Structures are given as structure tokens and as C-alpha cells.
Amino acid sequence: MAIGILYANRDYHNYYYGVAPEYATSSRAAYVAERGYSGGRAAFAVSWKVKQLRVGAFVRYDDLHQAEFEHSPLVEQSYTWMAGIGIAWVFSQSPYTVEHPN
């Protein structure tokens, strides 16, 4: 489980949420984001290992309320939920293993 707050610089925020004047339209205003708070995140993940099979799942919630770019015309909602699963099959494994010191 992980909970945290996110921050980013101006370049990062503008890459995803900025609208340069040449790309502004009647329905999308020009927008420049500043550096700062990028929102909060909570995530939970689990994984299982059964012989050569690996299975994992996650759920994540992102909250953009009061984020620096919240008023960007590219932001349509102030929160999002995500979930996913992954399955992997290990075809081969080295016969040499490294033991953890604990």
C-alpha cells in the first residue's frame, strides 16, 4: 500500500496540461501551468507466486483537487480510479540464486 502527494516542475506540468497559444481554439483556451502540487495518490497492490506463474493486481486513486494544473482545459475531472491485473509465466530461471542477508 502506498499513499503520497505529488509535486512536479513547470516543464512537466506544461508537457501534460499546458496549451500553447498556437494550439488554442474557441473551445480550448491557451494555458500555462506552474510548478507545484500535482495531487494526491493512494494505491494498493498484491501479487502471488505459484511455481512459474506470477499474478498481480492493483487499485489506484488519484486526486487532482487543488493541483497546480486543475484549471487546465485538458483536465476533464479532478479524480480518477484505475485498476489492473498482470499475469506472467517464467519460462526459465537461473540455477544460481542470491540469498538475502536476513
N, C-alpha and C. Protein backbone atom coordinates (compact mmCIF):
# COMPACT_ATOMS: atom_id res chain seq x y z
N MET A 1 0.85 -1.17 0.00
CA MET A 1 0.00 0.00 0.00
C MET A 1 0.90 1.23 0.00
N ALA A 2 0.47 2.25 -0.72
CA ALA A 2 1.24 3.49 -0.78
C ALA A 2 0.27 4.67 -0.81
N ILE A 3 0.61 5.69 -0.06
CA ILE A 3 -0.16 6.93 -0.04
C ILE A 3 0.84 8.07 -0.12
N GLY A 4 0.56 9.07 -0.94
CA GLY A 4 1.51 10.16 -1.03
C GLY A 4 0.97 11.35 -1.79
N ILE A 5 1.75 12.41 -1.77
CA ILE A 5 1.43 13.61 -2.54
C ILE A 5 2.50 13.78 -3.61
N LEU A 6 2.10 14.39 -4.71
CA LEU A 6 2.99 14.53 -5.85
C LEU A 6 3.26 16.00 -6.14
N TYR A 7 4.48 16.27 -6.55
CA TYR A 7 4.91 17.61 -6.96
C TYR A 7 5.67 17.47 -8.27
N ALA A 8 5.63 18.51 -9.10
CA ALA A 8 6.40 18.47 -10.34
C ALA A 8 6.80 19.88 -10.74
N ASN A 9 7.77 19.95 -11.64
CA ASN A 9 8.23 21.26 -12.10
C ASN A 9 7.35 21.79 -13.24
N ARG A 10 7.59 23.00 -13.63
CA ARG A 10 6.78 23.67 -14.65
C ARG A 10 6.83 22.93 -15.99
N ASP A 11 8.01 22.48 -16.40
CA ASP A 11 8.14 21.78 -17.68
C ASP A 11 7.27 20.53 -17.72
N TYR A 12 7.28 19.76 -16.64
CA TYR A 12 6.48 18.53 -16.58
C TYR A 12 4.99 18.86 -16.67
N HIS A 13 4.54 19.81 -15.85
CA HIS A 13 3.12 20.17 -15.86
C HIS A 13 2.69 20.69 -17.22
N ASN A 14 3.52 21.49 -17.86
CA ASN A 14 3.14 22.03 -19.17
C ASN A 14 3.17 20.98 -20.26
N TYR A 15 4.03 19.99 -20.13
CA TYR A 15 4.07 18.92 -21.13
C TYR A 15 2.71 18.21 -21.20
N TYR A 16 2.12 17.93 -20.03
CA TYR A 16 0.86 17.19 -19.98
C TYR A 16 -0.39 18.07 -19.96
N TYR A 17 -0.32 19.25 -19.36
CA TYR A 17 -1.52 20.04 -19.12
C TYR A 17 -1.51 21.42 -19.77
N GLY A 18 -0.39 21.83 -20.32
CA GLY A 18 -0.31 23.14 -20.95
C GLY A 18 -0.90 23.15 -22.35
N VAL A 19 -1.38 24.32 -22.77
CA VAL A 19 -1.88 24.51 -24.14
C VAL A 19 -1.18 25.76 -24.68
N ALA A 20 -0.26 25.56 -25.59
CA ALA A 20 0.46 26.68 -26.20
C ALA A 20 -0.52 27.54 -27.00
N PRO A 21 -0.27 28.84 -27.10
CA PRO A 21 -1.19 29.73 -27.82
C PRO A 21 -1.52 29.26 -29.24
N GLU A 22 -0.55 28.69 -29.93
CA GLU A 22 -0.81 28.25 -31.30
C GLU A 22 -1.76 27.04 -31.38
N TYR A 23 -1.99 26.36 -30.24
CA TYR A 23 -2.91 25.23 -30.22
C TYR A 23 -4.24 25.57 -29.55
N ALA A 24 -4.41 26.80 -29.15
CA ALA A 24 -5.67 27.23 -28.54
C ALA A 24 -6.75 27.30 -29.61
N THR A 25 -7.96 26.96 -29.21
CA THR A 25 -9.11 27.02 -30.11
C THR A 25 -10.25 27.74 -29.38
N SER A 26 -11.39 27.86 -30.02
CA SER A 26 -12.54 28.50 -29.37
C SER A 26 -13.05 27.68 -28.20
N SER A 27 -12.79 26.38 -28.20
CA SER A 27 -13.24 25.52 -27.09
C SER A 27 -12.09 25.11 -26.17
N ARG A 28 -10.87 25.53 -26.47
CA ARG A 28 -9.70 25.18 -25.65
C ARG A 28 -8.79 26.39 -25.55
N ALA A 29 -8.83 27.03 -24.39
CA ALA A 29 -8.03 28.25 -24.17
C ALA A 29 -6.55 27.91 -24.00
N ALA A 30 -5.70 28.88 -24.29
CA ALA A 30 -4.27 28.73 -24.00
C ALA A 30 -4.11 28.62 -22.49
N TYR A 31 -3.12 27.84 -22.06
CA TYR A 31 -2.93 27.62 -20.62
C TYR A 31 -1.46 27.33 -20.34
N VAL A 32 -0.93 27.96 -19.30
CA VAL A 32 0.43 27.71 -18.83
C VAL A 32 0.35 27.29 -17.38
N ALA A 33 0.86 26.12 -17.08
CA ALA A 33 0.87 25.62 -15.70
C ALA A 33 2.18 26.00 -15.03
N GLU A 34 2.11 26.18 -13.74
CA GLU A 34 3.31 26.46 -12.95
C GLU A 34 3.75 25.20 -12.22
N ARG A 35 4.90 25.28 -11.59
CA ARG A 35 5.39 24.15 -10.80
C ARG A 35 4.59 24.08 -9.51
N GLY A 36 4.64 22.93 -8.87
CA GLY A 36 3.98 22.81 -7.58
C GLY A 36 3.23 21.51 -7.40
N TYR A 37 2.22 21.58 -6.58
CA TYR A 37 1.42 20.42 -6.18
C TYR A 37 0.75 19.77 -7.38
N SER A 38 0.89 18.45 -7.47
CA SER A 38 0.31 17.70 -8.60
C SER A 38 -0.82 16.78 -8.19
N GLY A 39 -1.18 16.77 -6.92
CA GLY A 39 -2.28 15.93 -6.47
C GLY A 39 -1.84 14.89 -5.48
N GLY A 40 -2.80 14.09 -5.06
CA GLY A 40 -2.53 13.01 -4.11
C GLY A 40 -2.82 11.67 -4.74
N ARG A 41 -2.22 10.63 -4.18
CA ARG A 41 -2.37 9.28 -4.74
C ARG A 41 -2.43 8.26 -3.62
N ALA A 42 -3.30 7.29 -3.80
CA ALA A 42 -3.36 6.13 -2.90
C ALA A 42 -3.40 4.89 -3.78
N ALA A 43 -2.58 3.90 -3.45
CA ALA A 43 -2.51 2.69 -4.28
C ALA A 43 -2.38 1.46 -3.39
N PHE A 44 -2.94 0.38 -3.87
CA PHE A 44 -2.84 -0.90 -3.18
C PHE A 44 -2.55 -1.96 -4.23
N ALA A 45 -1.56 -2.80 -3.97
CA ALA A 45 -1.19 -3.85 -4.93
C ALA A 45 -0.90 -5.15 -4.19
N VAL A 46 -1.21 -6.24 -4.84
CA VAL A 46 -0.92 -7.57 -4.31
C VAL A 46 -0.35 -8.42 -5.44
N SER A 47 0.43 -9.42 -5.07
CA SER A 47 0.94 -10.34 -6.07
C SER A 47 1.10 -11.73 -5.45
N TRP A 48 1.01 -12.71 -6.31
CA TRP A 48 1.15 -14.10 -5.89
C TRP A 48 2.15 -14.79 -6.80
N LYS A 49 2.81 -15.77 -6.24
CA LYS A 49 3.77 -16.57 -7.00
C LYS A 49 3.44 -18.04 -6.72
N VAL A 50 3.14 -18.78 -7.78
CA VAL A 50 2.86 -20.21 -7.67
C VAL A 50 3.71 -20.90 -8.73
N LYS A 51 4.76 -21.54 -8.27
CA LYS A 51 5.73 -22.18 -9.16
C LYS A 51 6.22 -21.19 -10.21
N GLN A 52 5.89 -21.39 -11.49
CA GLN A 52 6.37 -20.49 -12.54
C GLN A 52 5.37 -19.40 -12.90
N LEU A 53 4.22 -19.39 -12.27
CA LEU A 53 3.18 -18.41 -12.57
C LEU A 53 3.26 -17.23 -11.60
N ARG A 54 3.19 -16.02 -12.14
CA ARG A 54 3.15 -14.80 -11.33
C ARG A 54 1.87 -14.05 -11.67
N VAL A 55 1.12 -13.66 -10.65
CA VAL A 55 -0.13 -12.93 -10.83
C VAL A 55 -0.11 -11.71 -9.92
N GLY A 56 -0.52 -10.57 -10.44
CA GLY A 56 -0.56 -9.36 -9.63
C GLY A 56 -1.80 -8.54 -9.97
N ALA A 57 -2.22 -7.71 -9.02
CA ALA A 57 -3.37 -6.84 -9.22
C ALA A 57 -3.14 -5.54 -8.45
N PHE A 58 -3.74 -4.45 -8.94
CA PHE A 58 -3.60 -3.18 -8.24
C PHE A 58 -4.87 -2.36 -8.38
N VAL A 59 -5.06 -1.45 -7.43
CA VAL A 59 -6.11 -0.43 -7.48
C VAL A 59 -5.44 0.87 -7.11
N ARG A 60 -5.75 1.96 -7.84
CA ARG A 60 -5.12 3.26 -7.56
C ARG A 60 -6.16 4.37 -7.69
N TYR A 61 -6.06 5.33 -6.79
CA TYR A 61 -6.92 6.52 -6.81
C TYR A 61 -6.02 7.75 -6.88
N ASP A 62 -6.28 8.64 -7.85
CA ASP A 62 -5.55 9.90 -7.96
C ASP A 62 -6.54 11.04 -7.76
N ASP A 63 -6.16 12.01 -6.93
CA ASP A 63 -6.99 13.17 -6.64
C ASP A 63 -6.26 14.43 -7.09
N LEU A 64 -6.86 15.18 -8.01
CA LEU A 64 -6.23 16.38 -8.55
C LEU A 64 -6.80 17.67 -7.96
N HIS A 65 -7.68 17.57 -6.97
CA HIS A 65 -8.23 18.78 -6.36
C HIS A 65 -7.10 19.65 -5.84
N GLN A 66 -7.13 20.90 -6.18
CA GLN A 66 -6.14 21.91 -5.78
C GLN A 66 -4.76 21.68 -6.40
N ALA A 67 -4.67 20.82 -7.41
CA ALA A 67 -3.40 20.66 -8.13
C ALA A 67 -3.13 21.95 -8.91
N GLU A 68 -1.89 22.23 -9.14
CA GLU A 68 -1.48 23.45 -9.84
C GLU A 68 -2.16 23.59 -11.20
N PHE A 69 -2.39 22.48 -11.88
CA PHE A 69 -2.95 22.48 -13.23
C PHE A 69 -4.44 22.13 -13.25
N GLU A 70 -5.10 22.16 -12.12
CA GLU A 70 -6.51 21.74 -12.04
C GLU A 70 -7.40 22.48 -13.03
N HIS A 71 -7.08 23.74 -13.34
CA HIS A 71 -7.92 24.54 -14.23
C HIS A 71 -7.47 24.50 -15.69
N SER A 72 -6.57 23.59 -16.01
CA SER A 72 -6.17 23.42 -17.41
C SER A 72 -7.39 22.97 -18.22
N PRO A 73 -7.52 23.46 -19.45
CA PRO A 73 -8.63 22.99 -20.29
C PRO A 73 -8.51 21.52 -20.67
N LEU A 74 -7.36 20.92 -20.41
CA LEU A 74 -7.18 19.50 -20.72
C LEU A 74 -7.62 18.59 -19.59
N VAL A 75 -7.86 19.14 -18.42
CA VAL A 75 -8.33 18.34 -17.28
C VAL A 75 -9.85 18.30 -17.31
N GLU A 76 -10.41 17.11 -17.42
CA GLU A 76 -11.85 16.96 -17.51
C GLU A 76 -12.50 16.59 -16.18
N GLN A 77 -11.75 15.96 -15.28
CA GLN A 77 -12.28 15.64 -13.96
C GLN A 77 -11.14 15.68 -12.96
N SER A 78 -11.48 15.87 -11.69
CA SER A 78 -10.47 16.08 -10.66
C SER A 78 -10.06 14.83 -9.91
N TYR A 79 -10.48 13.67 -10.36
CA TYR A 79 -10.08 12.43 -9.72
C TYR A 79 -10.15 11.29 -10.74
N THR A 80 -9.52 10.19 -10.42
CA THR A 80 -9.60 9.02 -11.29
C THR A 80 -9.32 7.76 -10.49
N TRP A 81 -9.96 6.69 -10.87
CA TRP A 81 -9.71 5.36 -10.33
C TRP A 81 -9.10 4.51 -11.43
N MET A 82 -8.14 3.69 -11.08
CA MET A 82 -7.54 2.76 -12.02
C MET A 82 -7.40 1.40 -11.36
N ALA A 83 -7.47 0.36 -12.14
CA ALA A 83 -7.25 -0.99 -11.63
C ALA A 83 -6.64 -1.81 -12.75
N GLY A 84 -5.91 -2.82 -12.38
CA GLY A 84 -5.31 -3.65 -13.40
C GLY A 84 -4.83 -4.98 -12.85
N ILE A 85 -4.61 -5.90 -13.75
CA ILE A 85 -4.06 -7.20 -13.37
C ILE A 85 -2.93 -7.54 -14.34
N GLY A 86 -2.05 -8.37 -13.88
CA GLY A 86 -0.96 -8.82 -14.72
C GLY A 86 -0.68 -10.29 -14.47
N ILE A 87 -0.36 -11.00 -15.52
CA ILE A 87 -0.05 -12.43 -15.41
C ILE A 87 1.24 -12.67 -16.19
N ALA A 88 2.15 -13.41 -15.58
CA ALA A 88 3.42 -13.72 -16.25
C ALA A 88 3.77 -15.18 -16.00
N TRP A 89 4.38 -15.77 -16.97
CA TRP A 89 4.87 -17.14 -16.86
C TRP A 89 6.38 -17.11 -17.00
N VAL A 90 7.09 -17.63 -16.02
CA VAL A 90 8.55 -17.66 -16.06
C VAL A 90 8.97 -18.94 -16.78
N PHE A 91 9.56 -18.76 -17.97
CA PHE A 91 9.94 -19.91 -18.78
C PHE A 91 11.21 -20.58 -18.28
N SER A 92 12.10 -19.78 -17.73
CA SER A 92 13.38 -20.31 -17.29
C SER A 92 13.91 -19.46 -16.15
N GLN A 93 14.69 -20.08 -15.28
CA GLN A 93 15.26 -19.36 -14.15
C GLN A 93 16.69 -19.86 -13.93
N SER A 94 17.57 -18.96 -13.57
CA SER A 94 18.96 -19.33 -13.32
C SER A 94 19.05 -20.33 -12.17
N PRO A 95 19.92 -21.30 -12.27
CA PRO A 95 20.10 -22.25 -11.16
C PRO A 95 20.83 -21.61 -9.98
N TYR A 96 21.41 -20.43 -10.22
CA TYR A 96 22.13 -19.73 -9.16
C TYR A 96 21.22 -18.68 -8.53
N THR A 97 21.13 -18.71 -7.23
CA THR A 97 20.30 -17.73 -6.52
C THR A 97 21.13 -16.96 -5.52
N VAL A 98 20.64 -15.80 -5.17
CA VAL A 98 21.33 -14.96 -4.18
C VAL A 98 20.46 -14.92 -2.94
N GLU A 99 21.06 -15.23 -1.81
CA GLU A 99 20.29 -15.21 -0.56
C GLU A 99 20.34 -13.83 0.05
N HIS A 100 19.21 -13.40 0.57
CA HIS A 100 19.11 -12.14 1.27
C HIS A 100 19.76 -12.31 2.65
N PRO A 101 20.51 -11.30 3.16
CA PRO A 101 21.22 -11.47 4.43
C PRO A 101 20.30 -11.64 5.65
N ASN A 102 19.02 -11.32 5.53
CA ASN A 102 18.13 -11.51 6.70
C ASN A 102 17.64 -12.89 6.76
